[in-house]
PDB file of N, CA and C in Angstrom:
ATOM      1  N   MET A   1     -82.832 -20.856 -14.432  1.00  0.00           N
ATOM      2  CA  MET A   1     -83.250 -19.572 -15.017  1.00  0.00           C
ATOM      3  C   MET A   1     -82.326 -19.472 -16.213  1.00  0.00           C
ATOM      4  N   THR A   2     -83.222 -19.093 -17.389  1.00  0.00           N
ATOM      5  CA  THR A   2     -82.425 -19.100 -18.668  1.00  0.00           C
ATOM      6  C   THR A   2     -82.694 -17.575 -19.070  1.00  0.00           C
ATOM      7  N   PHE A   3     -81.573 -16.913 -19.655  1.00  0.00           N
ATOM      8  CA  PHE A   3     -81.698 -15.768 -20.132  1.00  0.00           C
ATOM      9  C   PHE A   3     -81.204 -15.699 -21.848  1.00  0.00           C
ATOM     10  N   GLN A   4     -82.014 -15.154 -22.584  1.00  0.00           N
ATOM     11  CA  GLN A   4     -81.378 -15.127 -23.894  1.00  0.00           C
ATOM     12  C   GLN A   4     -80.922 -13.825 -24.102  1.00  0.00           C
ATOM     13  N   THR A   5     -79.650 -13.654 -24.600  1.00  0.00           N
ATOM     14  CA  THR A   5     -79.273 -12.178 -24.746  1.00  0.00           C
ATOM     15  C   THR A   5     -78.769 -12.321 -26.376  1.00  0.00           C
ATOM     16  N   SER A   6     -78.687 -11.053 -27.132  1.00  0.00           N
ATOM     17  CA  SER A   6     -78.278 -11.259 -28.537  1.00  0.00           C
ATOM     18  C   SER A   6     -77.231 -10.226 -28.704  1.00  0.00           C
ATOM     19  N   THR A   7     -75.985 -10.711 -29.583  1.00  0.00           N
ATOM     20  CA  THR A   7     -75.011  -9.625 -29.658  1.00  0.00           C
ATOM     21  C   THR A   7     -74.787  -9.674 -31.109  1.00  0.00           C
ATOM     22  N   THR A   8     -75.609 -10.187 -31.943  1.00  0.00           N
ATOM     23  CA  THR A   8     -75.621 -10.144 -33.350  1.00  0.00           C
ATOM     24  C   THR A   8     -76.689  -9.575 -34.031  1.00  0.00           C
ATOM     25  N   ALA A   9     -76.657  -9.091 -35.190  1.00  0.00           N
ATOM     26  CA  ALA A   9     -77.904  -8.753 -36.038  1.00  0.00           C
ATOM     27  C   ALA A   9     -78.767  -9.871 -36.448  1.00  0.00           C
ATOM     28  N   THR A  10     -78.427 -10.973 -36.171  1.00  0.00           N
ATOM     29  CA  THR A  10     -79.257 -12.288 -36.817  1.00  0.00           C
ATOM     30  C   THR A  10     -80.366 -12.508 -35.672  1.00  0.00           C
ATOM     31  N   PRO A  11     -81.432 -12.448 -35.877  1.00  0.00           N
ATOM     32  CA  PRO A  11     -82.461 -12.597 -34.836  1.00  0.00           C
ATOM     33  C   PRO A  11     -82.485 -14.291 -34.616  1.00  0.00           C
ATOM     34  N   THR A  12     -82.921 -14.183 -33.375  1.00  0.00           N
ATOM     35  CA  THR A  12     -83.267 -15.780 -32.770  1.00  0.00           C
ATOM     36  C   THR A  12     -84.852 -16.035 -33.244  1.00  0.00           C
ATOM     37  N   PRO A  13     -84.964 -17.196 -33.653  1.00  0.00           N
ATOM     38  CA  PRO A  13     -86.389 -17.730 -33.966  1.00  0.00           C
ATOM     39  C   PRO A  13     -87.379 -17.339 -32.880  1.00  0.00           C
ATOM     40  N   ALA A  14     -88.397 -17.035 -33.131  1.00  0.00           N
ATOM     41  CA  ALA A  14     -89.463 -16.533 -32.058  1.00  0.00           C
ATOM     42  C   ALA A  14     -89.893 -17.707 -31.054  1.00  0.00           C
ATOM     43  N   ALA A  15     -89.840 -18.925 -31.585  1.00  0.00           N
ATOM     44  CA  ALA A  15     -90.020 -20.009 -30.808  1.00  0.00           C
ATOM     45  C   ALA A  15     -88.989 -20.371 -29.647  1.00  0.00           C
ATOM     46  N   ALA A  16     -87.768 -19.979 -29.984  1.00  0.00           N
ATOM     47  CA  ALA A  16     -86.794 -19.861 -28.961  1.00  0.00           C
ATOM     48  C   ALA A  16     -86.383 -18.764 -28.251  1.00  0.00           C
ATOM     49  N   GLN A  17     -87.371 -17.925 -28.090  1.00  0.00           N
ATOM     50  CA  GLN A  17     -87.301 -16.449 -27.308  1.00  0.00           C
ATOM     51  C   GLN A  17     -87.829 -16.709 -26.079  1.00  0.00           C
ATOM     52  N   GLY A  18     -87.715 -15.824 -25.118  1.00  0.00           N
ATOM     53  CA  GLY A  18     -88.559 -15.941 -24.100  1.00  0.00           C
ATOM     54  C   GLY A  18     -89.906 -14.898 -23.990  1.00  0.00           C
ATOM     55  N   SER A  19     -90.805 -15.001 -23.095  1.00  0.00           N
ATOM     56  CA  SER A  19     -92.043 -14.342 -23.306  1.00  0.00           C
ATOM     57  C   SER A  19     -91.892 -12.902 -23.038  1.00  0.00           C
ATOM     58  N   HIS A  20     -90.847 -12.093 -22.516  1.00  0.00           N
ATOM     59  CA  HIS A  20     -90.509 -10.805 -22.334  1.00  0.00           C
ATOM     60  C   HIS A  20     -89.301 -10.218 -22.875  1.00  0.00           C
ATOM     61  N   MET A  21     -89.178  -9.195 -23.555  1.00  0.00           N
ATOM     62  CA  MET A  21     -88.060  -8.673 -24.095  1.00  0.00           C
ATOM     63  C   MET A  21     -87.567  -7.384 -22.910  1.00  0.00           C
ATOM     64  N   TRP A  22     -86.348  -7.565 -22.882  1.00  0.00           N
ATOM     65  CA  TRP A  22     -85.713  -6.513 -21.594  1.00  0.00           C
ATOM     66  C   TRP A  22     -84.464  -5.665 -22.261  1.00  0.00           C
ATOM     67  N   VAL A  23     -84.486  -4.366 -21.529  1.00  0.00           N
ATOM     68  CA  VAL A  23     -83.232  -3.642 -21.694  1.00  0.00           C
ATOM     69  C   VAL A  23     -82.835  -3.023 -20.318  1.00  0.00           C
ATOM     70  N   LEU A  24     -81.688  -3.128 -20.123  1.00  0.00           N
ATOM     71  CA  LEU A  24     -81.208  -2.343 -18.987  1.00  0.00           C
ATOM     72  C   LEU A  24     -79.915  -1.882 -19.154  1.00  0.00           C
ATOM     73  N   THR A  25     -79.889  -0.659 -18.860  1.00  0.00           N
ATOM     74  CA  THR A  25     -78.764   0.205 -18.847  1.00  0.00           C
ATOM     75  C   THR A  25     -78.139   0.740 -17.547  1.00  0.00           C
ATOM     76  N   LEU A  26     -76.805   0.394 -17.052  1.00  0.00           N
ATOM     77  CA  LEU A  26     -76.145   0.908 -15.837  1.00  0.00           C
ATOM     78  C   LEU A  26     -75.340   1.791 -16.088  1.00  0.00           C
ATOM     79  N   GLN A  27     -75.031   2.598 -14.964  1.00  0.00           N
ATOM     80  CA  GLN A  27     -73.920   3.692 -15.118  1.00  0.00           C
ATOM     81  C   GLN A  27     -73.030   3.582 -13.897  1.00  0.00           C
ATOM     82  N   ALA A  28     -71.857   3.674 -13.913  1.00  0.00           N
ATOM     83  CA  ALA A  28     -71.253   3.962 -12.684  1.00  0.00           C
ATOM     84  C   ALA A  28     -70.311   5.018 -13.074  1.00  0.00           C
ATOM     85  N   PRO A  29     -70.447   6.184 -12.173  1.00  0.00           N
ATOM     86  CA  PRO A  29     -69.469   7.199 -12.382  1.00  0.00           C
ATOM     87  C   PRO A  29     -67.955   6.750 -12.292  1.00  0.00           C
ATOM     88  N   GLY A  30     -67.248   7.297 -13.539  1.00  0.00           N
ATOM     89  CA  GLY A  30     -65.870   6.995 -13.391  1.00  0.00           C
ATOM     90  C   GLY A  30     -65.546   5.724 -13.888  1.00  0.00           C
ATOM     91  N   ARG A  31     -66.353   4.599 -14.200  1.00  0.00           N
ATOM     92  CA  ARG A  31     -66.189   3.400 -14.457  1.00  0.00           C
ATOM     93  C   ARG A  31     -67.034   2.959 -15.938  1.00  0.00           C
ATOM     94  N   GLY A  32     -67.894   3.834 -16.362  1.00  0.00           N
ATOM     95  CA  GLY A  32     -68.728   3.651 -17.433  1.00  0.00           C
ATOM     96  C   GLY A  32     -69.854   3.250 -17.422  1.00  0.00           C
ATOM     97  N   MET A  33     -70.383   2.727 -18.687  1.00  0.00           N
ATOM     98  CA  MET A  33     -71.870   2.462 -18.741  1.00  0.00           C
ATOM     99  C   MET A  33     -72.058   1.093 -19.418  1.00  0.00           C
ATOM    100  N   THR A  34     -72.900   0.147 -19.089  1.00  0.00           N
ATOM    101  CA  THR A  34     -73.268  -0.918 -19.985  1.00  0.00           C
ATOM    102  C   THR A  34     -74.385  -1.071 -20.091  1.00  0.00           C
ATOM    103  N   THR A  35     -75.014  -1.407 -21.380  1.00  0.00           N
ATOM    104  CA  THR A  35     -76.549  -1.820 -21.708  1.00  0.00           C
ATOM    105  C   THR A  35     -76.525  -3.176 -21.999  1.00  0.00           C
ATOM    106  N   HIS A  36     -77.245  -4.016 -21.512  1.00  0.00           N
ATOM    107  CA  HIS A  36     -77.704  -5.465 -22.064  1.00  0.00           C
ATOM    108  C   HIS A  36     -79.137  -5.388 -22.345  1.00  0.00           C
ATOM    109  N   TYR A  37     -79.256  -6.539 -23.104  1.00  0.00           N
ATOM    110  CA  TYR A  37     -80.760  -6.637 -23.535  1.00  0.00           C
ATOM    111  C   TYR A  37     -81.065  -8.065 -23.888  1.00  0.00           C
ATOM    112  N   GLY A  38     -82.074  -8.594 -23.807  1.00  0.00           N
ATOM    113  CA  GLY A  38     -82.657 -10.107 -24.405  1.00  0.00           C
ATOM    114  C   GLY A  38     -84.021 -10.344 -24.086  1.00  0.00           C
ATOM    115  N   THR A  39     -84.332 -11.756 -24.101  1.00  0.00           N
ATOM    116  CA  THR A  39     -85.564 -12.038 -23.825  1.00  0.00           C
ATOM    117  C   THR A  39     -85.381 -13.046 -22.579  1.00  0.00           C
ATOM    118  N   TRP A  40     -86.698 -13.163 -21.771  1.00  0.00           N
ATOM    119  CA  TRP A  40     -86.678 -13.873 -20.543  1.00  0.00           C
ATOM    120  C   TRP A  40     -87.963 -14.218 -20.420  1.00  0.00           C
ATOM    121  N   THR A  41     -88.387 -15.437 -19.749  1.00  0.00           N
ATOM    122  CA  THR A  41     -89.536 -15.913 -19.371  1.00  0.00           C
ATOM    123  C   THR A  41     -89.457 -15.972 -17.886  1.00  0.00           C
ATOM    124  N   PRO A  42     -90.213 -14.908 -17.170  1.00  0.00           N
ATOM    125  CA  PRO A  42     -90.239 -14.913 -15.654  1.00  0.00           C
ATOM    126  C   PRO A  42     -90.878 -16.020 -15.115  1.00  0.00           C
ATOM    127  N   PRO A  43     -90.655 -16.451 -13.850  1.00  0.00           N
ATOM    128  CA  PRO A  43     -91.474 -17.678 -13.338  1.00  0.00           C
ATOM    129  C   PRO A  43     -92.920 -17.278 -12.955  1.00  0.00           C
ATOM    130  N   ALA A  44     -93.710 -18.134 -12.875  1.00  0.00           N
ATOM    131  CA  ALA A  44     -95.295 -17.740 -12.694  1.00  0.00           C
ATOM    132  C   ALA A  44     -95.286 -16.823 -11.270  1.00  0.00           C
ATOM    133  N   GLY A  45     -96.063 -15.974 -11.177  1.00  0.00           N
ATOM    134  CA  GLY A  45     -96.112 -15.165 -10.018  1.00  0.00           C
ATOM    135  C   GLY A  45     -95.107 -13.822 -10.012  1.00  0.00           C
ATOM    136  N   ALA A  46     -94.205 -13.976 -10.591  1.00  0.00           N
ATOM    137  CA  ALA A  46     -92.980 -12.998 -10.493  1.00  0.00           C
ATOM    138  C   ALA A  46     -93.653 -11.573 -10.776  1.00  0.00           C
ATOM    139  N   THR A  47     -93.217 -10.628 -10.136  1.00  0.00           N
ATOM    140  CA  THR A  47     -93.701  -9.006 -10.256  1.00  0.00           C
ATOM    141  C   THR A  47     -92.707  -8.431 -11.068  1.00  0.00           C
ATOM    142  N   ARG A  48     -92.968  -7.336 -11.487  1.00  0.00           N
ATOM    143  CA  ARG A  48     -91.980  -6.541 -12.282  1.00  0.00           C
ATOM    144  C   ARG A  48     -90.840  -6.151 -11.302  1.00  0.00           C
ATOM    145  N   PHE A  49     -90.871  -5.918 -10.166  1.00  0.00           N
ATOM    146  CA  PHE A  49     -89.681  -5.880  -9.197  1.00  0.00           C
ATOM    147  C   PHE A  49     -88.803  -7.016  -9.050  1.00  0.00           C
ATOM    148  N   ASP A  50     -89.320  -8.138  -9.070  1.00  0.00           N
ATOM    149  CA  ASP A  50     -88.689  -9.570  -9.266  1.00  0.00           C
ATOM    150  C   ASP A  50     -88.058  -9.395 -10.366  1.00  0.00           C
ATOM    151  N   ALA A  51     -88.484  -9.159 -11.412  1.00  0.00           N
ATOM    152  CA  ALA A  51     -87.716  -9.101 -12.758  1.00  0.00           C
ATOM    153  C   ALA A  51     -86.756  -8.264 -13.022  1.00  0.00           C
ATOM    154  N   PHE A  52     -86.811  -7.045 -12.484  1.00  0.00           N
ATOM    155  CA  PHE A  52     -85.776  -5.947 -12.347  1.00  0.00           C
ATOM    156  C   PHE A  52     -84.579  -6.474 -11.672  1.00  0.00           C
ATOM    157  N   ALA A  53     -84.914  -7.064 -10.316  1.00  0.00           N
ATOM    158  CA  ALA A  53     -83.696  -7.379  -9.563  1.00  0.00           C
ATOM    159  C   ALA A  53     -82.920  -8.803 -10.023  1.00  0.00           C
ATOM    160  N   THR A  54     -83.764  -9.593 -10.592  1.00  0.00           N
ATOM    161  CA  THR A  54     -83.299 -10.769 -11.292  1.00  0.00           C
ATOM    162  C   THR A  54     -82.438 -10.275 -12.599  1.00  0.00           C
ATOM    163  N   LEU A  55     -82.624  -9.429 -13.439  1.00  0.00           N
ATOM    164  CA  LEU A  55     -81.947  -8.920 -14.484  1.00  0.00           C
ATOM    165  C   LEU A  55     -80.977  -8.155 -14.009  1.00  0.00           C
ATOM    166  N   ARG A  56     -81.088  -7.252 -13.111  1.00  0.00           N
ATOM    167  CA  ARG A  56     -80.033  -6.522 -12.820  1.00  0.00           C
ATOM    168  C   ARG A  56     -79.074  -7.386 -12.057  1.00  0.00           C
ATOM    169  N   GLY A  57     -79.159  -8.346 -11.451  1.00  0.00           N
ATOM    170  CA  GLY A  57     -78.222  -9.178 -10.844  1.00  0.00           C
ATOM    171  C   GLY A  57     -77.609 -10.033 -11.855  1.00  0.00           C
ATOM    172  N   TYR A  58     -78.213 -10.296 -13.005  1.00  0.00           N
ATOM    173  CA  TYR A  58     -77.688 -11.045 -14.302  1.00  0.00           C
ATOM    174  C   TYR A  58     -76.635 -10.240 -14.528  1.00  0.00           C
ATOM    175  N   VAL A  59     -77.077  -8.887 -15.225  1.00  0.00           N
ATOM    176  CA  VAL A  59     -76.192  -7.992 -15.527  1.00  0.00           C
ATOM    177  C   VAL A  59     -74.589  -7.729 -14.611  1.00  0.00           C
ATOM    178  N   VAL A  60     -75.031  -7.475 -13.432  1.00  0.00           N
ATOM    179  CA  VAL A  60     -73.822  -7.216 -12.512  1.00  0.00           C
ATOM    180  C   VAL A  60     -73.011  -8.596 -12.563  1.00  0.00           C
ATOM    181  N   ALA A  61     -73.569  -9.932 -12.491  1.00  0.00           N
ATOM    182  CA  ALA A  61     -72.746 -10.850 -12.540  1.00  0.00           C
ATOM    183  C   ALA A  61     -71.786 -10.877 -13.664  1.00  0.00           C
ATOM    184  N   GLN A  62     -72.181 -10.361 -14.945  1.00  0.00           N
ATOM    185  CA  GLN A  62     -71.391 -10.270 -16.027  1.00  0.00           C
ATOM    186  C   GLN A  62     -70.283  -8.941 -15.918  1.00  0.00           C
ATOM    187  N   HIS A  63     -70.739  -7.997 -15.103  1.00  0.00           N
ATOM    188  CA  HIS A  63     -69.872  -6.673 -14.898  1.00  0.00           C
ATOM    189  C   HIS A  63     -69.761  -6.538 -13.274  1.00  0.00           C
ATOM    190  N   PRO A  64     -69.107  -7.125 -12.455  1.00  0.00           N
ATOM    191  CA  PRO A  64     -69.044  -6.799 -11.147  1.00  0.00           C
ATOM    192  C   PRO A  64     -68.788  -5.478 -10.854  1.00  0.00           C
ATOM    193  N   ASP A  65     -67.980  -4.854 -11.514  1.00  0.00           N
ATOM    194  CA  ASP A  65     -67.740  -3.497 -11.308  1.00  0.00           C
ATOM    195  C   ASP A  65     -69.039  -2.455 -11.485  1.00  0.00           C
ATOM    196  N   MET A  66     -70.131  -2.858 -11.711  1.00  0.00           N
ATOM    197  CA  MET A  66     -71.429  -2.290 -11.809  1.00  0.00           C
ATOM    198  C   MET A  66     -72.355  -2.554 -10.825  1.00  0.00           C
ATOM    199  N   ALA A  67     -71.739  -3.229  -9.738  1.00  0.00           N
ATOM    200  CA  ALA A  67     -72.771  -3.541  -8.581  1.00  0.00           C
ATOM    201  C   ALA A  67     -73.426  -2.172  -7.928  1.00  0.00           C
ATOM    202  N   SER A  68     -72.691  -1.284  -7.675  1.00  0.00           N
ATOM    203  CA  SER A  68     -73.260  -0.098  -7.267  1.00  0.00           C
ATOM    204  C   SER A  68     -73.591   1.013  -8.319  1.00  0.00           C
ATOM    205  N   ALA A  69     -73.598   0.626  -9.331  1.00  0.00           N
ATOM    206  CA  ALA A  69     -74.133   1.525 -10.408  1.00  0.00           C
ATOM    207  C   ALA A  69     -75.605   1.931 -10.209  1.00  0.00           C
ATOM    208  N   THR A  70     -75.630   3.038 -10.989  1.00  0.00           N
ATOM    209  CA  THR A  70     -77.325   3.585 -11.022  1.00  0.00           C
ATOM    210  C   THR A  70     -77.860   3.021 -12.342  1.00  0.00           C
ATOM    211  N   THR A  71     -79.014   2.679 -11.996  1.00  0.00           N
ATOM    212  CA  THR A  71     -80.020   2.343 -13.399  1.00  0.00           C
ATOM    213  C   THR A  71     -80.304   3.345 -13.890  1.00  0.00           C
ATOM    214  N   VAL A  72     -79.849   3.452 -15.121  1.00  0.00           N
ATOM    215  CA  VAL A  72     -80.187   4.600 -16.294  1.00  0.00           C
ATOM    216  C   VAL A  72     -81.557   4.322 -17.001  1.00  0.00           C
ATOM    217  N   PHE A  73     -81.689   2.987 -17.345  1.00  0.00           N
ATOM    218  CA  PHE A  73     -82.820   2.754 -18.009  1.00  0.00           C
ATOM    219  C   PHE A  73     -83.247   1.486 -17.959  1.00  0.00           C
ATOM    220  N   PHE A  74     -84.636   0.974 -17.736  1.00  0.00           N
ATOM    221  CA  PHE A  74     -85.016  -0.424 -17.430  1.00  0.00           C
ATOM    222  C   PHE A  74     -86.372  -0.523 -18.319  1.00  0.00           C
ATOM    223  N   SER A  75     -86.367  -1.678 -19.153  1.00  0.00           N
ATOM    224  CA  SER A  75     -87.761  -1.885 -19.905  1.00  0.00           C
ATOM    225  C   SER A  75     -87.886  -3.269 -19.897  1.00  0.00           C
ATOM    226  N   LEU A  76     -89.120  -3.651 -19.812  1.00  0.00           N
ATOM    227  CA  LEU A  76     -89.326  -5.149 -19.540  1.00  0.00           C
ATOM    228  C   LEU A  76     -90.825  -5.257 -20.297  1.00  0.00           C
ATOM    229  N   LYS A  77     -91.176  -5.785 -21.290  1.00  0.00           N
ATOM    230  CA  LYS A  77     -92.270  -5.697 -22.257  1.00  0.00           C
ATOM    231  C   LYS A  77     -92.571  -6.962 -22.635  1.00  0.00           C
ATOM    232  N   SER A  78     -93.883  -7.361 -22.748  1.00  0.00           N
ATOM    233  CA  SER A  78     -94.295  -8.690 -23.583  1.00  0.00           C
ATOM    234  C   SER A  78     -93.440  -8.743 -25.114  1.00  0.00           C
ATOM    235  N   ASN A  79     -92.956  -9.791 -25.300  1.00  0.00           N
ATOM    236  CA  ASN A  79     -92.258  -9.923 -26.533  1.00  0.00           C
ATOM    237  C   ASN A  79     -93.208 -10.398 -27.801  1.00  0.00           C
ATOM    238  N   GLN A  80     -94.392 -10.240 -27.495  1.00  0.00           N
ATOM    239  CA  GLN A  80     -95.334 -10.392 -28.668  1.00  0.00           C
ATOM    240  C   GLN A  80     -95.618  -8.993 -29.305  1.00  0.00           C
ATOM    241  N   LEU A  81     -95.893  -9.121 -30.612  1.00  0.00           N
ATOM    242  CA  LEU A  81     -96.181  -7.836 -31.223  1.00  0.00           C
ATOM    243  C   LEU A  81     -97.794  -7.734 -31.414  1.00  0.00           C
TER     244      LEU A  81
END
C-alpha cells in the first residue's frame, strides 16, 4: 500500500499521484490536533469506510498518541478536476 503525502509547496506530477486526494484531521483533548493530506489509490472494491479506516490507521501510525483521538474532518475525493 502506497500513500503519497505532501509537505512542501512543490506539487507532485499528476502521473505520480494517487487516484484520490484525502485530508484527515484528528484531535485528542489535551494532546493537540494533527492534519494530514495526500493522494492514494484504494484497492479495487474498497469502500469509503475501508479508505477511512486505512487512512486513519496510517495517520495514527505516524502519531500513536492520536489512537483514541476524535476525527474532526475527513475528505476523500477523486483526484481528477
